[in-house]
Structure formats: C-alpha cells, structure tokens
Amino acid sequence: MSVKVFALKDVPEDEADEVRALLEAHQLTFFETPAGNWGISAPAIWIDDTQHAARARSLIETYQQERMQRVQAEYEQLKQQGRQRTWMDVIRDNPVRFVAYVAVIALVLYFSTKPYLDFGK
C-alpha cells in the first residue's frame, strides 16, 4: 500500500524539486499525484513500499530543518544588508495588481455596509 510522505500543496517548486532529488539520491522509488485541473486534489509525493516510508519521512524532515535554517539565515543576511522585500517593493513590482486589490476591497466594503447605512432612511 502506498504511503504519502510529502504534501505538495503550497510548496515552492524549488523545494519540491529538492525533495524529489533527495529521494532519488537515496534510491527511493516514489510517484506523485497532481493537483488536478482545478487545483482541488491533494498533490503529494507517495512511496510505494511501506517499509521505506519511515526512512523517506525522516530524510524529508531532516531536509526541511536544514532548509528552514538556510532560508532564515538568508533572510537575516538580507535584512542586515537592508535588501529584504518590503510591502513597498511588492507594490512597486506590480502597482496594477495593488490598485485592483484595493478596488475590490473597497467594493466589498461598500456593498457590505451600504444596506446598514441606508437602514434608517
């Protein structure tokens, strides 16, 4: 019976590639299930052999701990250099998206509060 060893939902592609390479380097056979056409399925990496599932999970957990430490160190280094991404950087990168989000939020707030504001009239 197959065992799910790594969920791919909301996982960056580089991390998924590194997990695949890790499993291949340790000669663990695996297969993947995709997210499906609408992205509502459970994308994951599965191990066919239940005997190797525990080994695969421990390898992945070790990798994730190392990755977390590496990414946090990179972030701290960028922060010390003053180069970490800020909200203003995100807005500058795509101002149209920012304006569109603000407009949608304003519309939702308007239509959500309009009936209550007109209630007394």
N, C-alpha and C. Protein backbone atom coordinates (compact mmCIF):
# COMPACT_ATOMS: atom_id res chain seq x y z
N MET A 1 0.84 -1.18 0.00
CA MET A 1 0.00 0.00 0.00
C MET A 1 0.89 1.25 0.00
N SER A 2 0.50 2.23 -0.75
CA SER A 2 1.27 3.47 -0.86
C SER A 2 1.08 4.35 0.37
N VAL A 3 2.12 5.10 0.68
CA VAL A 3 2.10 6.00 1.84
C VAL A 3 2.50 7.39 1.38
N LYS A 4 1.69 8.38 1.77
CA LYS A 4 2.02 9.77 1.44
C LYS A 4 3.14 10.24 2.37
N VAL A 5 4.23 10.72 1.76
CA VAL A 5 5.36 11.16 2.58
C VAL A 5 5.58 12.67 2.52
N PHE A 6 4.99 13.34 1.51
CA PHE A 6 5.22 14.78 1.39
C PHE A 6 4.07 15.41 0.62
N ALA A 7 3.35 16.31 1.26
CA ALA A 7 2.26 17.04 0.61
C ALA A 7 2.85 18.19 -0.19
N LEU A 8 2.39 18.34 -1.43
CA LEU A 8 2.94 19.37 -2.31
C LEU A 8 2.09 20.64 -2.37
N LYS A 9 1.00 20.68 -1.62
CA LYS A 9 0.14 21.86 -1.65
C LYS A 9 0.87 23.06 -1.07
N ASP A 10 0.90 24.15 -1.82
CA ASP A 10 1.53 25.41 -1.42
C ASP A 10 3.04 25.28 -1.18
N VAL A 11 3.67 24.30 -1.80
CA VAL A 11 5.11 24.11 -1.67
C VAL A 11 5.79 24.78 -2.86
N PRO A 12 6.81 25.59 -2.63
CA PRO A 12 7.53 26.20 -3.75
C PRO A 12 8.14 25.12 -4.65
N GLU A 13 8.21 25.41 -5.93
CA GLU A 13 8.70 24.42 -6.90
C GLU A 13 10.14 24.01 -6.61
N ASP A 14 10.97 24.94 -6.15
CA ASP A 14 12.36 24.57 -5.87
C ASP A 14 12.45 23.58 -4.71
N GLU A 15 11.58 23.74 -3.71
CA GLU A 15 11.58 22.79 -2.59
C GLU A 15 11.10 21.41 -3.06
N ALA A 16 10.06 21.39 -3.88
CA ALA A 16 9.57 20.11 -4.40
C ALA A 16 10.65 19.42 -5.23
N ASP A 17 11.37 20.18 -6.05
CA ASP A 17 12.45 19.61 -6.85
C ASP A 17 13.56 19.04 -5.97
N GLU A 18 13.88 19.75 -4.89
CA GLU A 18 14.92 19.27 -3.99
C GLU A 18 14.49 18.00 -3.26
N VAL A 19 13.21 17.90 -2.90
CA VAL A 19 12.72 16.68 -2.24
C VAL A 19 12.77 15.51 -3.22
N ARG A 20 12.37 15.76 -4.47
CA ARG A 20 12.45 14.69 -5.48
C ARG A 20 13.90 14.22 -5.65
N ALA A 21 14.82 15.18 -5.75
CA ALA A 21 16.23 14.83 -5.91
C ALA A 21 16.75 14.06 -4.69
N LEU A 22 16.31 14.45 -3.50
CA LEU A 22 16.72 13.76 -2.28
C LEU A 22 16.28 12.30 -2.30
N LEU A 23 15.02 12.08 -2.67
CA LEU A 23 14.51 10.71 -2.71
C LEU A 23 15.23 9.89 -3.78
N GLU A 24 15.48 10.52 -4.93
CA GLU A 24 16.19 9.81 -6.00
C GLU A 24 17.63 9.50 -5.59
N ALA A 25 18.28 10.42 -4.88
CA ALA A 25 19.66 10.21 -4.44
C ALA A 25 19.76 9.03 -3.48
N HIS A 26 18.70 8.81 -2.70
CA HIS A 26 18.69 7.69 -1.76
C HIS A 26 18.01 6.46 -2.34
N GLN A 27 17.78 6.49 -3.65
CA GLN A 27 17.22 5.37 -4.40
C GLN A 27 15.89 4.89 -3.84
N LEU A 28 15.05 5.85 -3.48
CA LEU A 28 13.69 5.53 -3.03
C LEU A 28 12.74 5.78 -4.20
N THR A 29 12.00 4.77 -4.58
CA THR A 29 11.06 4.94 -5.68
C THR A 29 9.80 5.62 -5.15
N PHE A 30 9.32 6.57 -5.91
CA PHE A 30 8.15 7.34 -5.50
C PHE A 30 7.33 7.70 -6.72
N PHE A 31 6.12 8.16 -6.47
CA PHE A 31 5.29 8.72 -7.54
C PHE A 31 4.57 9.93 -6.98
N GLU A 32 4.04 10.74 -7.88
CA GLU A 32 3.35 11.97 -7.47
C GLU A 32 1.91 11.96 -7.93
N THR A 33 1.07 12.60 -7.13
CA THR A 33 -0.30 12.86 -7.56
C THR A 33 -0.40 14.36 -7.81
N PRO A 34 -0.97 14.76 -8.95
CA PRO A 34 -1.05 16.18 -9.28
C PRO A 34 -2.21 16.86 -8.55
N ALA A 35 -2.24 18.18 -8.66
CA ALA A 35 -3.31 18.96 -8.03
C ALA A 35 -4.61 18.87 -8.81
N GLY A 36 -4.56 18.37 -10.02
CA GLY A 36 -5.77 18.26 -10.83
C GLY A 36 -6.00 19.52 -11.63
N ASN A 37 -7.04 19.49 -12.46
CA ASN A 37 -7.33 20.62 -13.34
C ASN A 37 -7.69 21.89 -12.59
N TRP A 38 -8.39 21.76 -11.49
CA TRP A 38 -8.84 22.94 -10.75
C TRP A 38 -8.04 23.16 -9.47
N GLY A 39 -7.04 22.36 -9.23
CA GLY A 39 -6.18 22.54 -8.06
C GLY A 39 -6.83 22.15 -6.76
N ILE A 40 -7.86 21.29 -6.80
CA ILE A 40 -8.56 20.94 -5.57
C ILE A 40 -8.20 19.54 -5.06
N SER A 41 -7.43 18.80 -5.84
CA SER A 41 -6.99 17.48 -5.38
C SER A 41 -5.81 17.65 -4.42
N ALA A 42 -5.33 16.54 -3.92
CA ALA A 42 -4.24 16.58 -2.95
C ALA A 42 -2.92 16.22 -3.64
N PRO A 43 -2.17 17.23 -4.10
CA PRO A 43 -0.88 16.92 -4.71
C PRO A 43 0.10 16.43 -3.63
N ALA A 44 0.78 15.34 -3.93
CA ALA A 44 1.67 14.77 -2.92
C ALA A 44 2.70 13.86 -3.58
N ILE A 45 3.71 13.54 -2.80
CA ILE A 45 4.70 12.53 -3.19
C ILE A 45 4.43 11.31 -2.32
N TRP A 46 4.34 10.17 -2.98
CA TRP A 46 4.00 8.91 -2.32
C TRP A 46 5.13 7.91 -2.50
N ILE A 47 5.28 7.04 -1.51
CA ILE A 47 6.23 5.93 -1.57
C ILE A 47 5.42 4.64 -1.69
N ASP A 48 5.79 3.79 -2.64
CA ASP A 48 5.07 2.53 -2.84
C ASP A 48 5.29 1.55 -1.69
N ASP A 49 6.50 1.46 -1.23
CA ASP A 49 6.88 0.46 -0.23
C ASP A 49 6.73 1.04 1.17
N THR A 50 5.86 0.46 1.97
CA THR A 50 5.62 0.98 3.33
C THR A 50 6.86 0.85 4.21
N GLN A 51 7.74 -0.09 3.88
CA GLN A 51 8.96 -0.26 4.67
C GLN A 51 9.91 0.92 4.50
N HIS A 52 9.87 1.56 3.33
CA HIS A 52 10.76 2.68 3.06
C HIS A 52 10.13 4.03 3.41
N ALA A 53 8.86 4.03 3.79
CA ALA A 53 8.16 5.29 4.07
C ALA A 53 8.77 6.01 5.27
N ALA A 54 9.09 5.28 6.33
CA ALA A 54 9.66 5.92 7.52
C ALA A 54 11.02 6.54 7.20
N ARG A 55 11.81 5.84 6.41
CA ARG A 55 13.12 6.38 6.01
C ARG A 55 12.94 7.64 5.17
N ALA A 56 11.99 7.61 4.25
CA ALA A 56 11.74 8.77 3.40
C ALA A 56 11.27 9.96 4.23
N ARG A 57 10.38 9.71 5.17
CA ARG A 57 9.89 10.80 6.03
C ARG A 57 11.02 11.41 6.85
N SER A 58 11.89 10.56 7.39
CA SER A 58 12.99 11.10 8.20
C SER A 58 13.96 11.90 7.33
N LEU A 59 14.21 11.45 6.11
CA LEU A 59 15.06 12.22 5.19
C LEU A 59 14.44 13.57 4.88
N ILE A 60 13.13 13.57 4.63
CA ILE A 60 12.44 14.82 4.29
C ILE A 60 12.41 15.76 5.49
N GLU A 61 12.17 15.23 6.68
CA GLU A 61 12.16 16.08 7.88
C GLU A 61 13.53 16.72 8.12
N THR A 62 14.58 15.93 7.95
CA THR A 62 15.94 16.47 8.10
C THR A 62 16.19 17.55 7.06
N TYR A 63 15.80 17.28 5.82
CA TYR A 63 15.96 18.27 4.75
C TYR A 63 15.20 19.56 5.08
N GLN A 64 13.96 19.42 5.56
CA GLN A 64 13.17 20.62 5.84
C GLN A 64 13.77 21.44 6.97
N GLN A 65 14.34 20.79 7.98
CA GLN A 65 15.01 21.53 9.05
C GLN A 65 16.20 22.31 8.50
N GLU A 66 16.99 21.64 7.66
CA GLU A 66 18.14 22.31 7.05
C GLU A 66 17.70 23.47 6.16
N ARG A 67 16.63 23.25 5.40
CA ARG A 67 16.13 24.30 4.50
C ARG A 67 15.62 25.49 5.31
N MET A 68 14.91 25.22 6.40
CA MET A 68 14.39 26.30 7.23
C MET A 68 15.54 27.15 7.77
N GLN A 69 16.57 26.49 8.27
CA GLN A 69 17.72 27.22 8.80
C GLN A 69 18.41 28.03 7.71
N ARG A 70 18.55 27.44 6.52
CA ARG A 70 19.21 28.13 5.41
C ARG A 70 18.40 29.35 4.97
N VAL A 71 17.09 29.20 4.85
CA VAL A 71 16.25 30.31 4.40
C VAL A 71 16.21 31.42 5.45
N GLN A 72 16.14 31.04 6.73
CA GLN A 72 16.16 32.05 7.78
C GLN A 72 17.48 32.80 7.80
N ALA A 73 18.57 32.10 7.57
CA ALA A 73 19.89 32.75 7.53
C ALA A 73 19.97 33.71 6.35
N GLU A 74 19.44 33.29 5.19
CA GLU A 74 19.42 34.17 4.02
C GLU A 74 18.59 35.42 4.29
N TYR A 75 17.43 35.23 4.93
CA TYR A 75 16.57 36.37 5.25
C TYR A 75 17.27 37.33 6.21
N GLU A 76 17.90 36.79 7.24
CA GLU A 76 18.61 37.64 8.20
C GLU A 76 19.75 38.40 7.52
N GLN A 77 20.43 37.74 6.60
CA GLN A 77 21.52 38.41 5.88
C GLN A 77 20.96 39.54 5.02
N LEU A 78 19.87 39.29 4.32
CA LEU A 78 19.24 40.35 3.51
C LEU A 78 18.74 41.48 4.40
N LYS A 79 18.20 41.12 5.56
CA LYS A 79 17.69 42.13 6.49
C LYS A 79 18.82 43.02 7.00
N GLN A 80 19.96 42.42 7.33
CA GLN A 80 21.10 43.19 7.80
C GLN A 80 21.65 44.09 6.70
N GLN A 81 21.57 43.64 5.45
CA GLN A 81 22.05 44.43 4.33
C GLN A 81 21.00 45.45 3.87
N GLY A 82 19.78 45.35 4.42
CA GLY A 82 18.71 46.27 4.03
C GLY A 82 18.11 45.95 2.67
N ARG A 83 18.21 44.69 2.25
CA ARG A 83 17.71 44.32 0.93
C ARG A 83 16.51 43.38 0.98
N GLN A 84 15.90 43.15 2.15
CA GLN A 84 14.75 42.27 2.21
C GLN A 84 13.55 42.96 1.56
N ARG A 85 12.65 42.16 1.02
CA ARG A 85 11.47 42.72 0.35
C ARG A 85 10.53 43.33 1.36
N THR A 86 10.04 44.51 1.04
CA THR A 86 9.07 45.20 1.88
C THR A 86 7.76 45.29 1.12
N TRP A 87 6.73 45.78 1.81
CA TRP A 87 5.43 45.97 1.14
C TRP A 87 5.57 46.95 -0.01
N MET A 88 6.36 47.96 0.16
CA MET A 88 6.54 48.94 -0.92
C MET A 88 7.20 48.30 -2.14
N ASP A 89 8.11 47.37 -1.93
CA ASP A 89 8.71 46.65 -3.07
C ASP A 89 7.66 45.84 -3.82
N VAL A 90 6.79 45.20 -3.07
CA VAL A 90 5.73 44.40 -3.70
C VAL A 90 4.80 45.30 -4.50
N ILE A 91 4.44 46.46 -3.95
CA ILE A 91 3.57 47.40 -4.65
C ILE A 91 4.27 47.95 -5.88
N ARG A 92 5.54 48.30 -5.76
CA ARG A 92 6.29 48.82 -6.91
C ARG A 92 6.44 47.78 -8.01
N ASP A 93 6.57 46.53 -7.65
CA ASP A 93 6.72 45.47 -8.65
C ASP A 93 5.47 45.29 -9.50
N ASN A 94 4.30 45.46 -8.89
CA ASN A 94 3.06 45.27 -9.63
C ASN A 94 1.99 46.24 -9.11
N PRO A 95 2.06 47.51 -9.50
CA PRO A 95 1.11 48.50 -8.98
C PRO A 95 -0.32 48.27 -9.45
N VAL A 96 -0.49 47.72 -10.65
CA VAL A 96 -1.85 47.48 -11.16
C VAL A 96 -2.57 46.46 -10.28
N ARG A 97 -1.87 45.41 -9.90
CA ARG A 97 -2.48 44.40 -9.03
C ARG A 97 -2.85 45.01 -7.69
N PHE A 98 -1.98 45.86 -7.14
CA PHE A 98 -2.27 46.51 -5.87
C PHE A 98 -3.52 47.37 -5.96
N VAL A 99 -3.62 48.18 -7.01
CA VAL A 99 -4.80 49.04 -7.19
C VAL A 99 -6.05 48.19 -7.37
N ALA A 100 -5.94 47.10 -8.12
CA ALA A 100 -7.09 46.22 -8.33
C ALA A 100 -7.55 45.61 -7.01
N TYR A 101 -6.61 45.15 -6.18
CA TYR A 101 -6.97 44.58 -4.88
C TYR A 101 -7.65 45.62 -3.99
N VAL A 102 -7.11 46.83 -3.97
CA VAL A 102 -7.71 47.89 -3.15
C VAL A 102 -9.11 48.20 -3.65
N ALA A 103 -9.31 48.23 -4.97
CA ALA A 103 -10.63 48.50 -5.54
C ALA A 103 -11.62 47.40 -5.16
N VAL A 104 -11.20 46.16 -5.24
CA VAL A 104 -12.09 45.05 -4.88
C VAL A 104 -12.44 45.11 -3.40
N ILE A 105 -11.47 45.39 -2.56
CA ILE A 105 -11.73 45.51 -1.12
C ILE A 105 -12.71 46.65 -0.85
N ALA A 106 -12.53 47.78 -1.53
CA ALA A 106 -13.43 48.92 -1.35
C ALA A 106 -14.84 48.56 -1.79
N LEU A 107 -14.98 47.86 -2.91
CA LEU A 107 -16.30 47.45 -3.38
C LEU A 107 -16.98 46.49 -2.40
N VAL A 108 -16.24 45.55 -1.90
CA VAL A 108 -16.81 44.60 -0.94
C VAL A 108 -17.25 45.34 0.32
N LEU A 109 -16.42 46.24 0.81
CA LEU A 109 -16.80 47.02 2.00
C LEU A 109 -18.02 47.89 1.72
N TYR A 110 -18.07 48.51 0.56
CA TYR A 110 -19.20 49.36 0.21
C TYR A 110 -20.49 48.55 0.18
N PHE A 111 -20.49 47.44 -0.56
CA PHE A 111 -21.71 46.65 -0.68
C PHE A 111 -22.06 45.93 0.62
N SER A 112 -21.10 45.70 1.49
CA SER A 112 -21.36 45.06 2.77
C SER A 112 -21.99 46.04 3.77
N THR A 113 -21.59 47.31 3.71
CA THR A 113 -22.08 48.28 4.69
C THR A 113 -23.23 49.13 4.18
N LYS A 114 -23.42 49.22 2.88
CA LYS A 114 -24.46 50.08 2.30
C LYS A 114 -25.85 49.77 2.85
N PRO A 115 -26.27 48.51 2.93
CA PRO A 115 -27.62 48.25 3.47
C PRO A 115 -27.80 48.73 4.91
N TYR A 116 -26.76 48.64 5.71
CA TYR A 116 -26.86 49.06 7.10
C TYR A 116 -26.86 50.59 7.23
N LEU A 117 -26.15 51.25 6.34
CA LEU A 117 -26.12 52.71 6.38
C LEU A 117 -27.43 53.30 5.90
N ASP A 118 -28.11 52.61 5.00
CA ASP A 118 -29.40 53.08 4.48
C ASP A 118 -30.57 52.56 5.29
N PHE A 119 -30.33 51.82 6.32
CA PHE A 119 -31.40 51.19 7.09
C PHE A 119 -32.34 52.21 7.73
N GLY A 120 -31.82 53.33 8.17
CA GLY A 120 -32.63 54.32 8.86
C GLY A 120 -33.39 55.26 7.94
N LYS A 121 -33.19 55.20 6.65
CA LYS A 121 -33.84 56.13 5.72
C LYS A 121 -35.24 55.70 5.38
